[in-house]
Amino acid sequence: MSAISPQLTTFTRDDSTLVTLDDDGVFRTHMVSPTQLVHELCAMSGGLTEREWKTHIPDVPYHKTC
């Protein structure tokens, strides 16, 4: 897989999204707002269960993620 070097990069006015334009003229958006990222991840995954938490981060006490 080769890396794509964007020809143009800019942030939206509210700094929540990075917009890139690649060599083929394709625009892509990349969310960078922590609040929006959490919202999107929770909507997609529903958050970690206690069991998943213990499997992946056992040294940290569990708390509800979403």
PDB file of N, CA and C in Angstrom:
ATOM      1  N   MET A   1       0.843  -1.168   0.000  1.00  0.00           N
ATOM      2  CA  MET A   1       0.000   0.000   0.000  1.00  0.00           C
ATOM      3  C   MET A   1       0.891   1.235   0.000  1.00  0.00           C
ATOM      4  N   SER A   2       0.627   2.143  -0.887  1.00  0.00           N
ATOM      5  CA  SER A   2       1.416   3.371  -0.946  1.00  0.00           C
ATOM      6  C   SER A   2       0.707   4.493  -0.203  1.00  0.00           C
ATOM      7  N   ALA A   3       1.494   5.382   0.336  1.00  0.00           N
ATOM      8  CA  ALA A   3       0.927   6.520   1.063  1.00  0.00           C
ATOM      9  C   ALA A   3       0.456   7.570   0.074  1.00  0.00           C
ATOM     10  N   ILE A   4      -0.626   8.222   0.402  1.00  0.00           N
ATOM     11  CA  ILE A   4      -1.157   9.301  -0.426  1.00  0.00           C
ATOM     12  C   ILE A   4      -0.734  10.619   0.191  1.00  0.00           C
ATOM     13  N   SER A   5      -0.114  11.459  -0.616  1.00  0.00           N
ATOM     14  CA  SER A   5       0.277  12.781  -0.138  1.00  0.00           C
ATOM     15  C   SER A   5      -0.774  13.784  -0.555  1.00  0.00           C
ATOM     16  N   PRO A   6      -1.468  14.359   0.394  1.00  0.00           N
ATOM     17  CA  PRO A   6      -2.497  15.333   0.032  1.00  0.00           C
ATOM     18  C   PRO A   6      -1.890  16.560  -0.633  1.00  0.00           C
ATOM     19  N   GLN A   7      -2.573  17.074  -1.638  1.00  0.00           N
ATOM     20  CA  GLN A   7      -2.150  18.282  -2.323  1.00  0.00           C
ATOM     21  C   GLN A   7      -2.623  19.528  -1.586  1.00  0.00           C
ATOM     22  N   LEU A   8      -3.697  19.364  -0.823  1.00  0.00           N
ATOM     23  CA  LEU A   8      -4.277  20.482  -0.096  1.00  0.00           C
ATOM     24  C   LEU A   8      -4.785  19.962   1.238  1.00  0.00           C
ATOM     25  N   THR A   9      -4.510  20.672   2.285  1.00  0.00           N
ATOM     26  CA  THR A   9      -5.086  20.348   3.592  1.00  0.00           C
ATOM     27  C   THR A   9      -5.557  21.640   4.231  1.00  0.00           C
ATOM     28  N   THR A  10      -6.729  21.581   4.822  1.00  0.00           N
ATOM     29  CA  THR A  10      -7.271  22.749   5.521  1.00  0.00           C
ATOM     30  C   THR A  10      -8.280  22.280   6.560  1.00  0.00           C
ATOM     31  N   PHE A  11      -8.472  23.084   7.567  1.00  0.00           N
ATOM     32  CA  PHE A  11      -9.474  22.800   8.589  1.00  0.00           C
ATOM     33  C   PHE A  11     -10.756  23.562   8.282  1.00  0.00           C
ATOM     34  N   THR A  12     -11.886  23.007   8.719  1.00  0.00           N
ATOM     35  CA  THR A  12     -13.145  23.728   8.625  1.00  0.00           C
ATOM     36  C   THR A  12     -13.098  24.915   9.580  1.00  0.00           C
ATOM     37  N   ARG A  13     -14.024  25.840   9.414  1.00  0.00           N
ATOM     38  CA  ARG A  13     -14.028  27.059  10.245  1.00  0.00           C
ATOM     39  C   ARG A  13     -14.079  26.775  11.743  1.00  0.00           C
ATOM     40  N   ASP A  14     -14.776  25.702  12.122  1.00  0.00           N
ATOM     41  CA  ASP A  14     -14.890  25.388  13.552  1.00  0.00           C
ATOM     42  C   ASP A  14     -13.782  24.447  14.038  1.00  0.00           C
ATOM     43  N   ASP A  15     -12.806  24.143  13.185  1.00  0.00           N
ATOM     44  CA  ASP A  15     -11.657  23.285  13.524  1.00  0.00           C
ATOM     45  C   ASP A  15     -12.034  21.854  13.892  1.00  0.00           C
ATOM     46  N   SER A  16     -13.245  21.423  13.542  1.00  0.00           N
ATOM     47  CA  SER A  16     -13.672  20.074  13.907  1.00  0.00           C
ATOM     48  C   SER A  16     -13.297  19.033  12.855  1.00  0.00           C
ATOM     49  N   THR A  17     -12.949  19.485  11.647  1.00  0.00           N
ATOM     50  CA  THR A  17     -12.703  18.564  10.544  1.00  0.00           C
ATOM     51  C   THR A  17     -11.515  19.036   9.711  1.00  0.00           C
ATOM     52  N   LEU A  18     -10.668  18.075   9.330  1.00  0.00           N
ATOM     53  CA  LEU A  18      -9.582  18.342   8.398  1.00  0.00           C
ATOM     54  C   LEU A  18     -10.052  17.895   7.018  1.00  0.00           C
ATOM     55  N   VAL A  19      -9.885  18.755   6.029  1.00  0.00           N
ATOM     56  CA  VAL A  19     -10.281  18.440   4.656  1.00  0.00           C
ATOM     57  C   VAL A  19      -9.012  18.321   3.823  1.00  0.00           C
ATOM     58  N   THR A  20      -8.910  17.224   3.040  1.00  0.00           N
ATOM     59  CA  THR A  20      -7.748  17.030   2.178  1.00  0.00           C
ATOM     60  C   THR A  20      -8.190  16.818   0.736  1.00  0.00           C
ATOM     61  N   LEU A  21      -7.312  17.161  -0.170  1.00  0.00           N
ATOM     62  CA  LEU A  21      -7.506  16.928  -1.600  1.00  0.00           C
ATOM     63  C   LEU A  21      -6.293  16.141  -2.067  1.00  0.00           C
ATOM     64  N   ASP A  22      -6.515  14.949  -2.676  1.00  0.00           N
ATOM     65  CA  ASP A  22      -5.380  14.124  -3.095  1.00  0.00           C
ATOM     66  C   ASP A  22      -5.005  14.366  -4.552  1.00  0.00           C
ATOM     67  N   ASP A  23      -3.990  13.635  -5.020  1.00  0.00           N
ATOM     68  CA  ASP A  23      -3.475  13.793  -6.390  1.00  0.00           C
ATOM     69  C   ASP A  23      -4.527  13.510  -7.461  1.00  0.00           C
ATOM     70  N   ASP A  24      -5.522  12.694  -7.133  1.00  0.00           N
ATOM     71  CA  ASP A  24      -6.566  12.346  -8.096  1.00  0.00           C
ATOM     72  C   ASP A  24      -7.749  13.302  -8.055  1.00  0.00           C
ATOM     73  N   GLY A  25      -7.648  14.344  -7.248  1.00  0.00           N
ATOM     74  CA  GLY A  25      -8.733  15.312  -7.150  1.00  0.00           C
ATOM     75  C   GLY A  25      -9.852  14.884  -6.226  1.00  0.00           C
ATOM     76  N   VAL A  26      -9.589  13.917  -5.343  1.00  0.00           N
ATOM     77  CA  VAL A  26     -10.601  13.408  -4.420  1.00  0.00           C
ATOM     78  C   VAL A  26     -10.493  14.154  -3.087  1.00  0.00           C
ATOM     79  N   PHE A  27     -11.607  14.740  -2.668  1.00  0.00           N
ATOM     80  CA  PHE A  27     -11.680  15.383  -1.359  1.00  0.00           C
ATOM     81  C   PHE A  27     -12.027  14.344  -0.305  1.00  0.00           C
ATOM     82  N   ARG A  28     -11.389  14.436   0.854  1.00  0.00           N
ATOM     83  CA  ARG A  28     -11.709  13.564   1.975  1.00  0.00           C
ATOM     84  C   ARG A  28     -11.839  14.435   3.224  1.00  0.00           C
ATOM     85  N   THR A  29     -12.705  14.006   4.113  1.00  0.00           N
ATOM     86  CA  THR A  29     -12.850  14.719   5.381  1.00  0.00           C
ATOM     87  C   THR A  29     -12.431  13.791   6.508  1.00  0.00           C
ATOM     88  N   HIS A  30     -11.778  14.372   7.506  1.00  0.00           N
ATOM     89  CA  HIS A  30     -11.260  13.621   8.646  1.00  0.00           C
ATOM     90  C   HIS A  30     -11.673  14.360   9.915  1.00  0.00           C
ATOM     91  N   MET A  31     -12.563  13.753  10.686  1.00  0.00           N
ATOM     92  CA  MET A  31     -13.004  14.373  11.937  1.00  0.00           C
ATOM     93  C   MET A  31     -11.843  14.455  12.925  1.00  0.00           C
ATOM     94  N   VAL A  32     -11.688  15.573  13.560  1.00  0.00           N
ATOM     95  CA  VAL A  32     -10.633  15.736  14.553  1.00  0.00           C
ATOM     96  C   VAL A  32     -11.142  16.292  15.877  1.00  0.00           C
ATOM     97  N   SER A  33     -12.422  16.634  15.945  1.00  0.00           N
ATOM     98  CA  SER A  33     -13.009  17.146  17.179  1.00  0.00           C
ATOM     99  C   SER A  33     -13.204  15.994  18.162  1.00  0.00           C
ATOM    100  N   PRO A  34     -12.579  16.041  19.344  1.00  0.00           N
ATOM    101  CA  PRO A  34     -12.742  14.949  20.310  1.00  0.00           C
ATOM    102  C   PRO A  34     -14.201  14.674  20.662  1.00  0.00           C
ATOM    103  N   THR A  35     -14.996  15.701  20.843  1.00  0.00           N
ATOM    104  CA  THR A  35     -16.403  15.514  21.193  1.00  0.00           C
ATOM    105  C   THR A  35     -17.141  14.784  20.085  1.00  0.00           C
ATOM    106  N   GLN A  36     -16.919  15.196  18.846  1.00  0.00           N
ATOM    107  CA  GLN A  36     -17.578  14.556  17.709  1.00  0.00           C
ATOM    108  C   GLN A  36     -17.089  13.115  17.532  1.00  0.00           C
ATOM    109  N   LEU A  37     -15.791  12.879  17.736  1.00  0.00           N
ATOM    110  CA  LEU A  37     -15.255  11.522  17.623  1.00  0.00           C
ATOM    111  C   LEU A  37     -15.894  10.592  18.643  1.00  0.00           C
ATOM    112  N   VAL A  38     -16.021  11.050  19.877  1.00  0.00           N
ATOM    113  CA  VAL A  38     -16.659  10.232  20.916  1.00  0.00           C
ATOM    114  C   VAL A  38     -18.102   9.931  20.530  1.00  0.00           C
ATOM    115  N   HIS A  39     -18.824  10.929  20.069  1.00  0.00           N
ATOM    116  CA  HIS A  39     -20.215  10.748  19.658  1.00  0.00           C
ATOM    117  C   HIS A  39     -20.320   9.696  18.546  1.00  0.00           C
ATOM    118  N   GLU A  40     -19.468   9.811  17.523  1.00  0.00           N
ATOM    119  CA  GLU A  40     -19.493   8.874  16.394  1.00  0.00           C
ATOM    120  C   GLU A  40     -19.119   7.462  16.834  1.00  0.00           C
ATOM    121  N   LEU A  41     -18.076   7.330  17.651  1.00  0.00           N
ATOM    122  CA  LEU A  41     -17.651   6.005  18.116  1.00  0.00           C
ATOM    123  C   LEU A  41     -18.728   5.345  18.970  1.00  0.00           C
ATOM    124  N   CYS A  42     -19.352   6.103  19.834  1.00  0.00           N
ATOM    125  CA  CYS A  42     -20.412   5.548  20.667  1.00  0.00           C
ATOM    126  C   CYS A  42     -21.613   5.138  19.826  1.00  0.00           C
ATOM    127  N   ALA A  43     -21.928   5.923  18.801  1.00  0.00           N
ATOM    128  CA  ALA A  43     -23.042   5.578  17.926  1.00  0.00           C
ATOM    129  C   ALA A  43     -22.760   4.287  17.160  1.00  0.00           C
ATOM    130  N   MET A  44     -21.504   4.073  16.779  1.00  0.00           N
ATOM    131  CA  MET A  44     -21.139   2.880  16.014  1.00  0.00           C
ATOM    132  C   MET A  44     -20.992   1.647  16.899  1.00  0.00           C
ATOM    133  N   SER A  45     -20.388   1.810  18.077  1.00  0.00           N
ATOM    134  CA  SER A  45     -20.020   0.636  18.879  1.00  0.00           C
ATOM    135  C   SER A  45     -20.899   0.402  20.106  1.00  0.00           C
ATOM    136  N   GLY A  46     -21.506   1.458  20.611  1.00  0.00           N
ATOM    137  CA  GLY A  46     -22.274   1.318  21.839  1.00  0.00           C
ATOM    138  C   GLY A  46     -21.417   1.338  23.091  1.00  0.00           C
ATOM    139  N   GLY A  47     -20.121   1.507  22.945  1.00  0.00           N
ATOM    140  CA  GLY A  47     -19.222   1.566  24.090  1.00  0.00           C
ATOM    141  C   GLY A  47     -18.737   0.195  24.523  1.00  0.00           C
ATOM    142  N   LEU A  48     -17.816   0.187  25.468  1.00  0.00           N
ATOM    143  CA  LEU A  48     -17.242  -1.052  25.979  1.00  0.00           C
ATOM    144  C   LEU A  48     -18.098  -1.640  27.093  1.00  0.00           C
ATOM    145  N   THR A  49     -18.260  -2.950  27.047  1.00  0.00           N
ATOM    146  CA  THR A  49     -18.902  -3.649  28.162  1.00  0.00           C
ATOM    147  C   THR A  49     -17.852  -3.823  29.256  1.00  0.00           C
ATOM    148  N   GLU A  50     -18.291  -4.217  30.443  1.00  0.00           N
ATOM    149  CA  GLU A  50     -17.330  -4.476  31.515  1.00  0.00           C
ATOM    150  C   GLU A  50     -16.342  -5.567  31.115  1.00  0.00           C
ATOM    151  N   ARG A  51     -16.848  -6.580  30.452  1.00  0.00           N
ATOM    152  CA  ARG A  51     -15.987  -7.691  30.024  1.00  0.00           C
ATOM    153  C   ARG A  51     -14.938  -7.213  29.014  1.00  0.00           C
ATOM    154  N   GLU A  52     -15.357  -6.423  28.032  1.00  0.00           N
ATOM    155  CA  GLU A  52     -14.416  -5.892  27.040  1.00  0.00           C
ATOM    156  C   GLU A  52     -13.378  -4.993  27.709  1.00  0.00           C
ATOM    157  N   TRP A  53     -13.839  -4.177  28.649  1.00  0.00           N
ATOM    158  CA  TRP A  53     -12.927  -3.292  29.381  1.00  0.00           C
ATOM    159  C   TRP A  53     -11.854  -4.109  30.090  1.00  0.00           C
ATOM    160  N   LYS A  54     -12.276  -5.140  30.816  1.00  0.00           N
ATOM    161  CA  LYS A  54     -11.323  -5.977  31.564  1.00  0.00           C
ATOM    162  C   LYS A  54     -10.347  -6.691  30.639  1.00  0.00           C
ATOM    163  N   THR A  55     -10.804  -7.033  29.436  1.00  0.00           N
ATOM    164  CA  THR A  55      -9.934  -7.697  28.464  1.00  0.00           C
ATOM    165  C   THR A  55      -8.878  -6.741  27.922  1.00  0.00           C
ATOM    166  N   HIS A  56      -9.266  -5.517  27.595  1.00  0.00           N
ATOM    167  CA  HIS A  56      -8.373  -4.589  26.906  1.00  0.00           C
ATOM    168  C   HIS A  56      -7.615  -3.625  27.815  1.00  0.00           C
ATOM    169  N   ILE A  57      -8.225  -3.229  28.915  1.00  0.00           N
ATOM    170  CA  ILE A  57      -7.543  -2.302  29.841  1.00  0.00           C
ATOM    171  C   ILE A  57      -7.793  -2.729  31.288  1.00  0.00           C
ATOM    172  N   PRO A  58      -7.264  -3.892  31.660  1.00  0.00           N
ATOM    173  CA  PRO A  58      -7.552  -4.460  32.975  1.00  0.00           C
ATOM    174  C   PRO A  58      -6.988  -3.671  34.159  1.00  0.00           C
ATOM    175  N   ASP A  59      -5.984  -2.839  33.932  1.00  0.00           N
ATOM    176  CA  ASP A  59      -5.353  -2.102  35.024  1.00  0.00           C
ATOM    177  C   ASP A  59      -6.098  -0.833  35.412  1.00  0.00           C
ATOM    178  N   VAL A  60      -7.131  -0.490  34.653  1.00  0.00           N
ATOM    179  CA  VAL A  60      -7.905   0.729  34.925  1.00  0.00           C
ATOM    180  C   VAL A  60      -9.300   0.323  35.370  1.00  0.00           C
ATOM    181  N   PRO A  61      -9.797   0.879  36.486  1.00  0.00           N
ATOM    182  CA  PRO A  61     -11.136   0.528  36.939  1.00  0.00           C
ATOM    183  C   PRO A  61     -12.190   0.865  35.877  1.00  0.00           C
ATOM    184  N   TYR A  62     -13.177  -0.021  35.730  1.00  0.00           N
ATOM    185  CA  TYR A  62     -14.219   0.157  34.725  1.00  0.00           C
ATOM    186  C   TYR A  62     -15.092   1.367  35.006  1.00  0.00           C
ATOM    187  N   HIS A  63     -15.451   2.063  33.949  1.00  0.00           N
ATOM    188  CA  HIS A  63     -16.518   3.062  33.995  1.00  0.00           C
ATOM    189  C   HIS A  63     -17.220   3.069  32.644  1.00  0.00           C
ATOM    190  N   LYS A  64     -18.471   3.391  32.662  1.00  0.00           N
ATOM    191  CA  LYS A  64     -19.280   3.394  31.447  1.00  0.00           C
ATOM    192  C   LYS A  64     -18.686   4.387  30.452  1.00  0.00           C
ATOM    193  N   THR A  65     -18.562   3.946  29.201  1.00  0.00           N
ATOM    194  CA  THR A  65     -17.914   4.792  28.201  1.00  0.00           C
ATOM    195  C   THR A  65     -18.879   5.567  27.318  1.00  0.00           C
ATOM    196  N   CYS A  66     -20.091   5.090  27.163  1.00  0.00           N
ATOM    197  CA  CYS A  66     -21.048   5.790  26.295  1.00  0.00           C
ATOM    198  C   CYS A  66     -22.392   5.900  26.983  1.00  0.00           C
TER     199      CYS A  66
END
